[in-house]
């Protein structure tokens, strides 16, 4: 249905993708023909692209706290004719997808994303008046790659840009994107790896560089911007390693530590499932849930995906799935696997807290002595086992992820609090017994001094 050209390039990726999907597929619930349904297929493809490339693919990413039952075929977008989508949806609805069919869908999607990048590269050549049949020297090739990347990270469609706009973008990029020099270093490293020792570059050579760049940039971005966010969040974490930050400390950090990005409206955080208000007197920000905010994503020039901070729990779940290789497991087996599994903040071969083990056993009691690996209760248990890495899953329908623009449009409020708002919340959330911050003490001392000076002048 997809045509011979699409089929050949898809088959080239198929073996690798099949192997990558295998153990996740083994843990998903299946029908009588050993196929997964729509929610399972979305989960598997989402996991694949997050781990391979750091991509949040549209049409397969989770919608809030749940995995939608809508078909993941929608992820193919307008790149597949309507009659082909109808054919695939019909097949999906009646049979589900086995491992091979799931891998074909994922490989097709990855191939279409690469084709999109090549189209943008062709447009970049055209802007510079270069022929895809000719050769470029090293300086020319690097200029093409840099300009391609600049349009990519700024979400610009290269085919709509003039040479003048591209030149202006090139000359101003350091001011537009403060981390541009780090990005250029990343581009040169990729170039040296996939096209080493070349002094002249064909279009095929530059294509190899661009394909590798688009595949790896999500991981690179996560290691730069997202690790910085994670470091700041952990600096503010409350005592006890709970994976939570007191909302007051979160807001106070804007002034005290110059953490300028931590100023989202509390109602925005609550709707997104980031706020733990089980204690209304001291609401807390859930660190891994904050990572999932759309505000921590950026949209490159792609019709297929966004690049977001990578869910730290994905790799942990991947390991659990690879060890268990089934949709269900006994509490004893899960405890053995998780106790041995380290994370960035949890050591290997630890002894799990008795209450954590008891919580898992209670889940098993509700399911005939075994724990479903892809249910909300196990995801909740993983949060308490890895509170800094695994998001807390709220009940379906109680939260909704929205972009800042969508939330502002729906509520009529701004997502970012003003400095005055931040100070007001810091004051409101201060415990009665807590002393004033040093900055407020200084502020009041200055006011007292001013009053004394005015009295002396009188």
Foldseek 3Di string as FASTA:
>chain_A
DQDDVLVVQLVVCLVVLLVVLQLLLLQADDDPVSAHAALSLLVSLCLSLCVQFLWRWPQSHDFQQGRDRDHSLCLLPPVDDPVVSVVVVVCRVVHHHHSSRSSSSSSSSLVVQLVVLLVQLVLLCVLVVHDLADKDFPVVLLLSVLLSVLQFQVQHRSNPDHNVVSVVCVVCVCVVPVCSVVVSVVLVVLLCVQPNPDRMDHSVSSSSSSSVCNRHVLVVCLVPVVVVVLVVQVVQDDPDQQQKHFLLSLLVCCVVVVPVVSFFDPVLCQQSVQWDCPPVLTIIGRQLSVQPACVQWGGTNDPTTIRGNRQLCSVVLSQLSNQPSYQKDALVVSQVSLQQDAGPPGHGNHHDDPVLSVQLQVCCVVPVRIHGCPDLSNLQSVCRSNVNRGRRRDPPPSHGHDHQVVVCVVPVDHGGDDPVRSVVVSVSSDDPPDDDDPVVVVVVVVVVVVVVVVVVVD
